[in-house]
């Protein structure tokens, strides 16, 4: 991370995203293998970290092999917040980020705490970063002469 970069939010997916798998593995625990499946999924979820700075969105994931992806905030085109009834019960939600980045055109931050607030923070930081870099997004999806 750059020395002048400030972290605005850090989080990761909730273990509640694996609830169905955990219930199934508990019912089949006498087979032994489901215990290892549940443990592996727990580790994968635990080792997934999202970090939002004033310059980029960073994704870190991996148990044995680590992968880190960055998304420059000025590349964010749009975002969406959604929350199922189950997520609302536990204060979780999903933020979907649409980007102009070719490798990751859509990014989903699933089962995160206080997702609506994270989306607003993201939106504010994206606008600030675009202003700082003097970048504007041009929506050219419409037809000419319409």
C-alpha atoms as a PDB file:
ATOM      1  CA  UNK A   1       0.000   0.000   0.000  1.00  0.00           C
ATOM      2  CA  UNK A   2       1.249   3.472  -0.856  1.00  0.00           C
ATOM      3  CA  UNK A   3       2.405   5.605   2.096  1.00  0.00           C
ATOM      4  CA  UNK A   4      -0.172   8.326   1.343  1.00  0.00           C
ATOM      5  CA  UNK A   5      -3.039   5.798   1.068  1.00  0.00           C
ATOM      6  CA  UNK A   6      -5.567   5.683   3.918  1.00  0.00           C
ATOM      7  CA  UNK A   7      -7.738   2.683   4.779  1.00  0.00           C
ATOM      8  CA  UNK A   8     -11.441   3.598   4.967  1.00  0.00           C
ATOM      9  CA  UNK A   9     -12.909   0.136   5.616  1.00  0.00           C
ATOM     10  CA  UNK A  10     -11.744  -3.437   6.088  1.00  0.00           C
ATOM     11  CA  UNK A  11     -14.004  -6.460   6.189  1.00  0.00           C
ATOM     12  CA  UNK A  12     -14.811  -9.839   4.805  1.00  0.00           C
ATOM     13  CA  UNK A  13     -17.704 -12.191   4.205  1.00  0.00           C
ATOM     14  CA  UNK A  14     -19.582 -13.509   7.216  1.00  0.00           C
ATOM     15  CA  UNK A  15     -19.450 -17.201   8.073  1.00  0.00           C
ATOM     16  CA  UNK A  16     -23.258 -17.103   7.778  1.00  0.00           C
ATOM     17  CA  UNK A  17     -22.696 -17.381   4.021  1.00  0.00           C
ATOM     18  CA  UNK A  18     -21.811 -21.015   4.683  1.00  0.00           C
ATOM     19  CA  UNK A  19     -24.747 -21.788   6.976  1.00  0.00           C
ATOM     20  CA  UNK A  20     -26.412 -24.257   4.598  1.00  0.00           C
ATOM     21  CA  UNK A  21     -23.168 -26.149   4.075  1.00  0.00           C
ATOM     22  CA  UNK A  22     -22.480 -26.219   7.822  1.00  0.00           C
ATOM     23  CA  UNK A  23     -25.939 -27.654   8.548  1.00  0.00           C
ATOM     24  CA  UNK A  24     -25.516 -30.306   5.857  1.00  0.00           C
ATOM     25  CA  UNK A  25     -22.034 -31.214   7.093  1.00  0.00           C
ATOM     26  CA  UNK A  26     -23.333 -31.453  10.667  1.00  0.00           C
ATOM     27  CA  UNK A  27     -26.053 -33.868   9.577  1.00  0.00           C
ATOM     28  CA  UNK A  28     -23.498 -35.969   7.686  1.00  0.00           C
ATOM     29  CA  UNK A  29     -20.629 -35.631  10.175  1.00  0.00           C
ATOM     30  CA  UNK A  30     -20.618 -39.376  10.785  1.00  0.00           C
ATOM     31  CA  UNK A  31     -19.069 -39.710   7.294  1.00  0.00           C
ATOM     32  CA  UNK A  32     -15.997 -37.726   8.486  1.00  0.00           C
ATOM     33  CA  UNK A  33     -15.363 -36.138   5.040  1.00  0.00           C
ATOM     34  CA  UNK A  34     -18.006 -33.398   5.505  1.00  0.00           C
ATOM     35  CA  UNK A  35     -16.131 -32.214   8.590  1.00  0.00           C
ATOM     36  CA  UNK A  36     -13.097 -31.467   6.429  1.00  0.00           C
ATOM     37  CA  UNK A  37     -15.282 -29.837   3.763  1.00  0.00           C
ATOM     38  CA  UNK A  38     -16.818 -27.536   6.385  1.00  0.00           C
ATOM     39  CA  UNK A  39     -13.395 -26.753   7.845  1.00  0.00           C
ATOM     40  CA  UNK A  40     -11.993 -25.912   4.416  1.00  0.00           C
ATOM     41  CA  UNK A  41     -14.929 -23.596   3.610  1.00  0.00           C
ATOM     42  CA  UNK A  42     -14.539 -21.934   7.019  1.00  0.00           C
ATOM     43  CA  UNK A  43     -10.848 -21.301   6.264  1.00  0.00           C
ATOM     44  CA  UNK A  44     -11.616 -19.942   2.775  1.00  0.00           C
ATOM     45  CA  UNK A  45     -14.164 -17.496   4.189  1.00  0.00           C
ATOM     46  CA  UNK A  46     -11.873 -16.517   7.067  1.00  0.00           C
ATOM     47  CA  UNK A  47      -8.983 -15.845   4.668  1.00  0.00           C
ATOM     48  CA  UNK A  48     -11.011 -13.546   2.386  1.00  0.00           C
ATOM     49  CA  UNK A  49     -10.408  -9.884   3.185  1.00  0.00           C
ATOM     50  CA  UNK A  50     -11.740  -6.774   1.470  1.00  0.00           C
ATOM     51  CA  UNK A  51      -9.946  -3.494   2.046  1.00  0.00           C
ATOM     52  CA  UNK A  52     -11.260  -0.155   0.818  1.00  0.00           C
ATOM     53  CA  UNK A  53      -8.739   2.675   0.735  1.00  0.00           C
ATOM     54  CA  UNK A  54      -9.054   6.191  -0.591  1.00  0.00           C
ATOM     55  CA  UNK A  55      -7.415   4.994  -3.839  1.00  0.00           C
ATOM     56  CA  UNK A  56      -8.451   1.394  -4.484  1.00  0.00           C
ATOM     57  CA  UNK A  57     -10.445  -1.654  -3.472  1.00  0.00           C
ATOM     58  CA  UNK A  58      -8.193  -4.570  -2.523  1.00  0.00           C
ATOM     59  CA  UNK A  59      -9.267  -8.240  -2.389  1.00  0.00           C
ATOM     60  CA  UNK A  60      -7.113 -10.756  -0.577  1.00  0.00           C
ATOM     61  CA  UNK A  61      -8.067 -14.417  -0.633  1.00  0.00           C
ATOM     62  CA  UNK A  62      -6.569 -17.857  -0.374  1.00  0.00           C
ATOM     63  CA  UNK A  63      -5.700 -20.390   2.294  1.00  0.00           C
ATOM     64  CA  UNK A  64      -2.527 -22.005   1.004  1.00  0.00           C
ATOM     65  CA  UNK A  65      -1.891 -19.788  -2.018  1.00  0.00           C
ATOM     66  CA  UNK A  66      -2.640 -16.102  -1.564  1.00  0.00           C
ATOM     67  CA  UNK A  67      -4.107 -13.923  -4.307  1.00  0.00           C
ATOM     68  CA  UNK A  68      -4.434 -10.145  -4.118  1.00  0.00           C
ATOM     69  CA  UNK A  69      -6.444  -8.154  -6.664  1.00  0.00           C
ATOM     70  CA  UNK A  70      -6.659  -4.359  -6.782  1.00  0.00           C
ATOM     71  CA  UNK A  71      -9.271  -2.166  -8.366  1.00  0.00           C
ATOM     72  CA  UNK A  72      -8.465   1.499  -8.820  1.00  0.00           C
ATOM     73  CA  UNK A  73     -11.463   3.474  -7.578  1.00  0.00           C
ATOM     74  CA  UNK A  74     -11.597   5.763 -10.589  1.00  0.00           C
ATOM     75  CA  UNK A  75     -12.522   2.656 -12.628  1.00  0.00           C
ATOM     76  CA  UNK A  76     -15.781   2.124 -10.715  1.00  0.00           C
ATOM     77  CA  UNK A  77     -18.730   2.766 -13.003  1.00  0.00           C
ATOM     78  CA  UNK A  78     -21.644   2.016 -10.679  1.00  0.00           C
ATOM     79  CA  UNK A  79     -22.580   0.123  -7.539  1.00  0.00           C
ATOM     80  CA  UNK A  80     -25.621  -1.635  -6.147  1.00  0.00           C
ATOM     81  CA  UNK A  81     -26.689  -2.641  -2.652  1.00  0.00           C
ATOM     82  CA  UNK A  82     -28.983  -5.575  -2.090  1.00  0.00           C
ATOM     83  CA  UNK A  83     -30.121  -7.462   0.942  1.00  0.00           C
ATOM     84  CA  UNK A  84     -32.178 -10.630   1.219  1.00  0.00           C
ATOM     85  CA  UNK A  85     -34.503 -11.241   4.154  1.00  0.00           C
ATOM     86  CA  UNK A  86     -31.959 -13.654   5.644  1.00  0.00           C
ATOM     87  CA  UNK A  87     -29.204 -11.027   5.356  1.00  0.00           C
ATOM     88  CA  UNK A  88     -31.445  -8.349   6.885  1.00  0.00           C
ATOM     89  CA  UNK A  89     -32.022 -10.546   9.931  1.00  0.00           C
ATOM     90  CA  UNK A  90     -28.277 -10.615  10.600  1.00  0.00           C
ATOM     91  CA  UNK A  91     -27.321  -7.085   9.477  1.00  0.00           C
ATOM     92  CA  UNK A  92     -25.533  -8.312   6.364  1.00  0.00           C
ATOM     93  CA  UNK A  93     -25.802  -7.391   2.692  1.00  0.00           C
ATOM     94  CA  UNK A  94     -24.159  -7.476  -0.708  1.00  0.00           C
ATOM     95  CA  UNK A  95     -22.496  -4.649  -2.585  1.00  0.00           C
ATOM     96  CA  UNK A  96     -22.058  -5.202  -6.310  1.00  0.00           C
ATOM     97  CA  UNK A  97     -19.515  -2.966  -8.030  1.00  0.00           C
ATOM     98  CA  UNK A  98     -19.577  -2.477 -11.812  1.00  0.00           C
ATOM     99  CA  UNK A  99     -16.251  -1.373 -13.259  1.00  0.00           C
ATOM    100  CA  UNK A 100     -14.511  -0.456 -16.483  1.00  0.00           C
ATOM    101  CA  UNK A 101     -11.713  -2.877 -15.591  1.00  0.00           C
ATOM    102  CA  UNK A 102     -11.394  -5.634 -18.204  1.00  0.00           C
ATOM    103  CA  UNK A 103     -10.249  -8.375 -15.827  1.00  0.00           C
ATOM    104  CA  UNK A 104     -12.940  -7.766 -13.203  1.00  0.00           C
ATOM    105  CA  UNK A 105     -15.967  -6.020 -14.733  1.00  0.00           C
ATOM    106  CA  UNK A 106     -18.229  -7.034 -11.811  1.00  0.00           C
ATOM    107  CA  UNK A 107     -17.170  -7.424  -8.196  1.00  0.00           C
ATOM    108  CA  UNK A 108     -19.452  -8.764  -5.482  1.00  0.00           C
ATOM    109  CA  UNK A 109     -18.800  -8.165  -1.816  1.00  0.00           C
ATOM    110  CA  UNK A 110     -21.164 -10.754  -0.351  1.00  0.00           C
ATOM    111  CA  UNK A 111     -22.397 -11.209   3.198  1.00  0.00           C
ATOM    112  CA  UNK A 112     -20.629  -8.147   4.572  1.00  0.00           C
ATOM    113  CA  UNK A 113     -21.655  -6.262   7.686  1.00  0.00           C
ATOM    114  CA  UNK A 114     -23.268  -2.837   7.275  1.00  0.00           C
ATOM    115  CA  UNK A 115     -23.196  -3.145   3.484  1.00  0.00           C
ATOM    116  CA  UNK A 116     -25.293  -0.011   2.854  1.00  0.00           C
ATOM    117  CA  UNK A 117     -22.747   2.104   4.716  1.00  0.00           C
ATOM    118  CA  UNK A 118     -19.872   0.437   2.854  1.00  0.00           C
ATOM    119  CA  UNK A 119     -21.560   1.276  -0.453  1.00  0.00           C
ATOM    120  CA  UNK A 120     -21.962   4.938   0.536  1.00  0.00           C
ATOM    121  CA  UNK A 121     -18.325   5.107   1.645  1.00  0.00           C
ATOM    122  CA  UNK A 122     -17.285   3.543  -1.662  1.00  0.00           C
ATOM    123  CA  UNK A 123     -19.396   6.026  -3.638  1.00  0.00           C
ATOM    124  CA  UNK A 124     -17.883   8.990  -1.801  1.00  0.00           C
ATOM    125  CA  UNK A 125     -14.331   7.717  -2.273  1.00  0.00           C
ATOM    126  CA  UNK A 126     -14.919   7.000  -5.972  1.00  0.00           C
ATOM    127  CA  UNK A 127     -16.079  10.576  -6.598  1.00  0.00           C
ATOM    128  CA  UNK A 128     -13.130  11.982  -4.642  1.00  0.00           C
ATOM    129  CA  UNK A 129     -10.673   9.789  -6.548  1.00  0.00           C
ATOM    130  CA  UNK A 130     -12.155  10.742  -9.910  1.00  0.00           C
ATOM    131  CA  UNK A 131     -11.852  14.420  -8.989  1.00  0.00           C
ATOM    132  CA  UNK A 132      -8.250  13.936  -7.859  1.00  0.00           C
ATOM    133  CA  UNK A 133      -7.298  12.110 -11.084  1.00  0.00           C
ATOM    134  CA  UNK A 134      -9.542  14.349 -13.239  1.00  0.00           C
ATOM    135  CA  UNK A 135     -11.261  11.298 -14.672  1.00  0.00           C
ATOM    136  CA  UNK A 136     -14.865  11.281 -15.891  1.00  0.00           C
ATOM    137  CA  UNK A 137     -16.868   8.260 -16.947  1.00  0.00           C
ATOM    138  CA  UNK A 138     -18.660   8.689 -20.264  1.00  0.00           C
ATOM    139  CA  UNK A 139     -21.759   6.543 -20.660  1.00  0.00           C
ATOM    140  CA  UNK A 140     -21.899   5.750 -24.383  1.00  0.00           C
ATOM    141  CA  UNK A 141     -24.515   2.988 -24.279  1.00  0.00           C
ATOM    142  CA  UNK A 142     -27.316   5.143 -25.723  1.00  0.00           C
ATOM    143  CA  UNK A 143     -27.990   5.422 -29.428  1.00  0.00           C
ATOM    144  CA  UNK A 144     -27.237   8.531 -31.428  1.00  0.00           C
ATOM    145  CA  UNK A 145     -30.145  10.549 -32.721  1.00  0.00           C
ATOM    146  CA  UNK A 146     -32.649   8.892 -30.432  1.00  0.00           C
END
